[in-house]
Amino acid sequence: MKKLVLVAAMAALSACSQPAEQAPAAQATDTAQAAPAATETAAASMAVDGKPDTGNFQMSGPDGASFKLTMNGDGTLVTDVDGTTTNGTWTKTEPATYCMTMEGEAEAKCYVDVMDGTTWRSTNSADPKDTWTVVRIN
C-alpha cells in the first residue's frame, strides 16, 4: 500500500512548487537521490491537459488500483487510498515531469506525463511499467 501511495503521488503528475535554489556542485552531497530543482512556479505552470498543475486527480493503475491525489500550490500533496491519507511534496522539473517524495521516503520518484489523444498518462521515468491514467476531478 505504501508503494501504491508513493506511485500515486508521483503519478500525480501534476504539480509544481516554488523553484528551489540550486547549490553549487561542490556543496551537493548526493544529487542522484535528490529531486531536480523546480523550473517553474505554481502560478505559471500548466499540466498536460492545459490546466494548472494543482488540483485533485483520480489515479488508476493497469491492475485496477486507484487513489485520489491532491496537489497543492505550495508544493505539498496528499494521497487518499480508501480513506487512508499520506502526505508528501512535489516539484515540477520539466514541462511534463513531476518528482514526488512521500512522507517517510528518502528518495523522490519522477513521473513523465503525456496526453495520448484524450487519455492522460503518467509514467515513472525509472520504471516504465509504473504507469497511471490520470483524470482531473475538480
C-alpha atoms as a PDB file:
ATOM      1  CA  MET A   1       0.000   0.000   0.000  1.00  0.00           C
ATOM      2  CA  LYS A   2       2.922   2.330   0.748  1.00  0.00           C
ATOM      3  CA  LYS A   3       4.204   1.757  -2.785  1.00  0.00           C
ATOM      4  CA  LEU A   4       0.751   2.451  -4.194  1.00  0.00           C
ATOM      5  CA  VAL A   5       0.569   5.717  -2.303  1.00  0.00           C
ATOM      6  CA  LEU A   6       4.030   6.756  -3.464  1.00  0.00           C
ATOM      7  CA  VAL A   7       3.327   5.744  -7.010  1.00  0.00           C
ATOM      8  CA  ALA A   8       0.074   7.533  -6.901  1.00  0.00           C
ATOM      9  CA  ALA A   9       1.584  10.616  -5.565  1.00  0.00           C
ATOM     10  CA  MET A  10       4.210  10.519  -8.176  1.00  0.00           C
ATOM     11  CA  ALA A  11       1.854   9.840 -10.845  1.00  0.00           C
ATOM     12  CA  ALA A  12       0.209  12.786  -9.943  1.00  0.00           C
ATOM     13  CA  LEU A  13       1.818  14.191 -12.191  1.00  0.00           C
ATOM     14  CA  SER A  14       0.557  17.211 -11.980  1.00  0.00           C
ATOM     15  CA  ALA A  15       2.040  19.837  -9.896  1.00  0.00           C
ATOM     16  CA  CYS A  16       4.642  22.346  -9.237  1.00  0.00           C
ATOM     17  CA  SER A  17       6.183  24.155  -6.325  1.00  0.00           C
ATOM     18  CA  GLN A  18       8.259  27.246  -5.822  1.00  0.00           C
ATOM     19  CA  PRO A  19      11.641  26.951  -7.506  1.00  0.00           C
ATOM     20  CA  ALA A  20      14.340  25.560  -5.281  1.00  0.00           C
ATOM     21  CA  GLU A  21      17.703  27.266  -5.120  1.00  0.00           C
ATOM     22  CA  GLN A  22      20.455  25.211  -6.644  1.00  0.00           C
ATOM     23  CA  ALA A  23      23.510  24.622  -4.504  1.00  0.00           C
ATOM     24  CA  PRO A  24      26.963  24.796  -6.073  1.00  0.00           C
ATOM     25  CA  ALA A  25      28.173  21.440  -7.330  1.00  0.00           C
ATOM     26  CA  ALA A  26      30.889  21.392  -4.681  1.00  0.00           C
ATOM     27  CA  GLN A  27      28.220  21.522  -1.975  1.00  0.00           C
ATOM     28  CA  ALA A  28      25.997  18.823  -3.415  1.00  0.00           C
ATOM     29  CA  THR A  29      26.358  15.594  -1.480  1.00  0.00           C
ATOM     30  CA  ASP A  30      24.117  13.063  -3.178  1.00  0.00           C
ATOM     31  CA  THR A  31      22.453  14.587  -6.199  1.00  0.00           C
ATOM     32  CA  ALA A  32      21.437  11.179  -7.562  1.00  0.00           C
ATOM     33  CA  GLN A  33      18.884  10.790  -4.778  1.00  0.00           C
ATOM     34  CA  ALA A  34      17.640  14.362  -4.675  1.00  0.00           C
ATOM     35  CA  ALA A  35      14.827  15.549  -6.905  1.00  0.00           C
ATOM     36  CA  PRO A  36      15.964  18.071  -9.512  1.00  0.00           C
ATOM     37  CA  ALA A  37      15.268  21.713  -8.770  1.00  0.00           C
ATOM     38  CA  ALA A  38      11.897  23.008  -9.900  1.00  0.00           C
ATOM     39  CA  THR A  39      11.987  25.056 -13.083  1.00  0.00           C
ATOM     40  CA  GLU A  40       8.566  26.688 -12.910  1.00  0.00           C
ATOM     41  CA  THR A  41       6.404  28.333 -10.291  1.00  0.00           C
ATOM     42  CA  ALA A  42       2.936  27.038  -9.465  1.00  0.00           C
ATOM     43  CA  ALA A  43       1.349  30.277 -10.659  1.00  0.00           C
ATOM     44  CA  ALA A  44       2.749  29.920 -14.184  1.00  0.00           C
ATOM     45  CA  SER A  45       2.788  26.165 -14.592  1.00  0.00           C
ATOM     46  CA  MET A  46       0.339  24.055 -16.560  1.00  0.00           C
ATOM     47  CA  ALA A  47      -0.301  20.315 -16.691  1.00  0.00           C
ATOM     48  CA  VAL A  48      -0.509  18.370 -19.963  1.00  0.00           C
ATOM     49  CA  ASP A  49      -4.285  18.927 -20.047  1.00  0.00           C
ATOM     50  CA  GLY A  50      -3.702  22.702 -20.363  1.00  0.00           C
ATOM     51  CA  LYS A  51      -4.966  23.421 -16.849  1.00  0.00           C
ATOM     52  CA  PRO A  52      -2.992  24.301 -13.691  1.00  0.00           C
ATOM     53  CA  ASP A  53      -0.718  21.635 -12.217  1.00  0.00           C
ATOM     54  CA  THR A  54      -2.516  21.895  -8.913  1.00  0.00           C
ATOM     55  CA  GLY A  55      -5.837  20.246  -8.156  1.00  0.00           C
ATOM     56  CA  ASN A  56      -7.493  16.923  -7.397  1.00  0.00           C
ATOM     57  CA  PHE A  57      -6.843  13.884  -9.556  1.00  0.00           C
ATOM     58  CA  GLN A  58      -8.093  10.303  -9.725  1.00  0.00           C
ATOM     59  CA  MET A  59      -5.193   7.959 -10.447  1.00  0.00           C
ATOM     60  CA  SER A  60      -5.848   4.491 -11.914  1.00  0.00           C
ATOM     61  CA  GLY A  61      -3.284   1.754 -12.481  1.00  0.00           C
ATOM     62  CA  PRO A  62      -3.396  -1.074 -15.022  1.00  0.00           C
ATOM     63  CA  ASP A  63      -4.052  -3.587 -12.232  1.00  0.00           C
ATOM     64  CA  GLY A  64      -7.250  -1.810 -11.157  1.00  0.00           C
ATOM     65  CA  ALA A  65      -5.663   0.029  -8.222  1.00  0.00           C
ATOM     66  CA  SER A  66      -6.776   3.627  -7.778  1.00  0.00           C
ATOM     67  CA  PHE A  67      -6.394   6.562  -5.427  1.00  0.00           C
ATOM     68  CA  LYS A  68      -7.074  10.285  -5.165  1.00  0.00           C
ATOM     69  CA  LEU A  69      -4.164  12.697  -5.438  1.00  0.00           C
ATOM     70  CA  THR A  70      -4.347  16.328  -4.323  1.00  0.00           C
ATOM     71  CA  MET A  71      -1.504  18.589  -5.465  1.00  0.00           C
ATOM     72  CA  ASN A  72      -1.272  21.963  -3.737  1.00  0.00           C
ATOM     73  CA  GLY A  73       0.355  25.170  -4.956  1.00  0.00           C
ATOM     74  CA  ASP A  74       2.755  25.228  -2.006  1.00  0.00           C
ATOM     75  CA  GLY A  75       4.479  22.032  -3.205  1.00  0.00           C
ATOM     76  CA  THR A  76       2.659  19.689  -0.832  1.00  0.00           C
ATOM     77  CA  LEU A  77       0.494  16.741  -1.849  1.00  0.00           C
ATOM     78  CA  VAL A  78      -1.869  14.268  -0.230  1.00  0.00           C
ATOM     79  CA  THR A  79      -2.846  10.827  -1.464  1.00  0.00           C
ATOM     80  CA  ASP A  80      -6.033   9.096  -0.347  1.00  0.00           C
ATOM     81  CA  VAL A  81      -6.239   5.329  -0.744  1.00  0.00           C
ATOM     82  CA  ASP A  82      -9.560   4.035   0.583  1.00  0.00           C
ATOM     83  CA  GLY A  83      -9.660   6.725   3.282  1.00  0.00           C
ATOM     84  CA  THR A  84      -6.020   6.360   4.343  1.00  0.00           C
ATOM     85  CA  THR A  85      -4.101   9.556   3.615  1.00  0.00           C
ATOM     86  CA  THR A  86      -0.367  10.092   3.162  1.00  0.00           C
ATOM     87  CA  ASN A  87       1.403  13.445   2.837  1.00  0.00           C
ATOM     88  CA  GLY A  88       4.289  14.318   0.577  1.00  0.00           C
ATOM     89  CA  THR A  89       5.894  17.035  -1.527  1.00  0.00           C
ATOM     90  CA  TRP A  90       6.285  17.580  -5.254  1.00  0.00           C
ATOM     91  CA  THR A  91       8.253  19.669  -7.732  1.00  0.00           C
ATOM     92  CA  LYS A  92       7.939  20.096 -11.463  1.00  0.00           C
ATOM     93  CA  THR A  93      11.350  19.702 -13.032  1.00  0.00           C
ATOM     94  CA  GLU A  94      10.461  19.957 -16.729  1.00  0.00           C
ATOM     95  CA  PRO A  95       7.299  20.918 -18.604  1.00  0.00           C
ATOM     96  CA  ALA A  96       5.727  17.471 -18.074  1.00  0.00           C
ATOM     97  CA  THR A  97       7.905  15.867 -15.370  1.00  0.00           C
ATOM     98  CA  TYR A  98       6.896  15.786 -11.713  1.00  0.00           C
ATOM     99  CA  CYS A  99       9.050  14.470  -8.868  1.00  0.00           C
ATOM    100  CA  MET A 100       7.354  13.406  -5.649  1.00  0.00           C
ATOM    101  CA  THR A 101       8.637  12.440  -2.234  1.00  0.00           C
ATOM    102  CA  MET A 102       6.220  10.761   0.140  1.00  0.00           C
ATOM    103  CA  GLU A 103       6.354  11.120   3.916  1.00  0.00           C
ATOM    104  CA  GLY A 104       8.817   8.601   5.313  1.00  0.00           C
ATOM    105  CA  GLU A 105      10.616   8.141   1.983  1.00  0.00           C
ATOM    106  CA  ALA A 106      14.145   9.446   1.367  1.00  0.00           C
ATOM    107  CA  GLU A 107      14.105   9.475  -2.426  1.00  0.00           C
ATOM    108  CA  ALA A 108      11.867  11.220  -4.916  1.00  0.00           C
ATOM    109  CA  LYS A 109      10.212   9.359  -7.782  1.00  0.00           C
ATOM    110  CA  CYS A 110       9.758  11.240 -11.026  1.00  0.00           C
ATOM    111  CA  TYR A 111       6.895  10.787 -13.487  1.00  0.00           C
ATOM    112  CA  VAL A 112       6.553  11.996 -17.062  1.00  0.00           C
ATOM    113  CA  ASP A 113       3.043  12.998 -18.178  1.00  0.00           C
ATOM    114  CA  VAL A 114       1.707  12.724 -21.727  1.00  0.00           C
ATOM    115  CA  MET A 115      -1.663  13.148 -23.417  1.00  0.00           C
ATOM    116  CA  ASP A 116      -2.440  10.187 -25.655  1.00  0.00           C
ATOM    117  CA  GLY A 117      -5.432  11.517 -27.540  1.00  0.00           C
ATOM    118  CA  THR A 118      -7.828  12.276 -24.707  1.00  0.00           C
ATOM    119  CA  THR A 119      -6.101   9.976 -22.195  1.00  0.00           C
ATOM    120  CA  TRP A 120      -3.645  11.463 -19.675  1.00  0.00           C
ATOM    121  CA  ARG A 121      -0.898   9.040 -18.665  1.00  0.00           C
ATOM    122  CA  SER A 122       1.829   9.441 -16.024  1.00  0.00           C
ATOM    123  CA  THR A 123       4.828   7.086 -16.233  1.00  0.00           C
ATOM    124  CA  ASN A 124       7.649   6.592 -13.733  1.00  0.00           C
ATOM    125  CA  SER A 125      10.839   7.704 -15.512  1.00  0.00           C
ATOM    126  CA  ALA A 126      12.821   4.907 -13.801  1.00  0.00           C
ATOM    127  CA  ASP A 127      10.200   2.153 -14.292  1.00  0.00           C
ATOM    128  CA  PRO A 128       8.067   2.345 -17.462  1.00  0.00           C
ATOM    129  CA  LYS A 129       5.781  -0.414 -16.116  1.00  0.00           C
ATOM    130  CA  ASP A 130       4.713   2.016 -13.362  1.00  0.00           C
ATOM    131  CA  THR A 131       2.119   3.908 -15.414  1.00  0.00           C
ATOM    132  CA  TRP A 132      -1.089   5.584 -14.235  1.00  0.00           C
ATOM    133  CA  THR A 133      -4.111   7.012 -16.017  1.00  0.00           C
ATOM    134  CA  VAL A 134      -4.966  10.454 -14.656  1.00  0.00           C
ATOM    135  CA  VAL A 135      -8.385  12.128 -14.527  1.00  0.00           C
ATOM    136  CA  ARG A 136      -8.782  15.664 -13.158  1.00  0.00           C
ATOM    137  CA  ILE A 137     -11.697  15.698 -10.700  1.00  0.00           C
ATOM    138  CA  ASN A 138     -12.057  19.384  -9.842  1.00  0.00           C
END
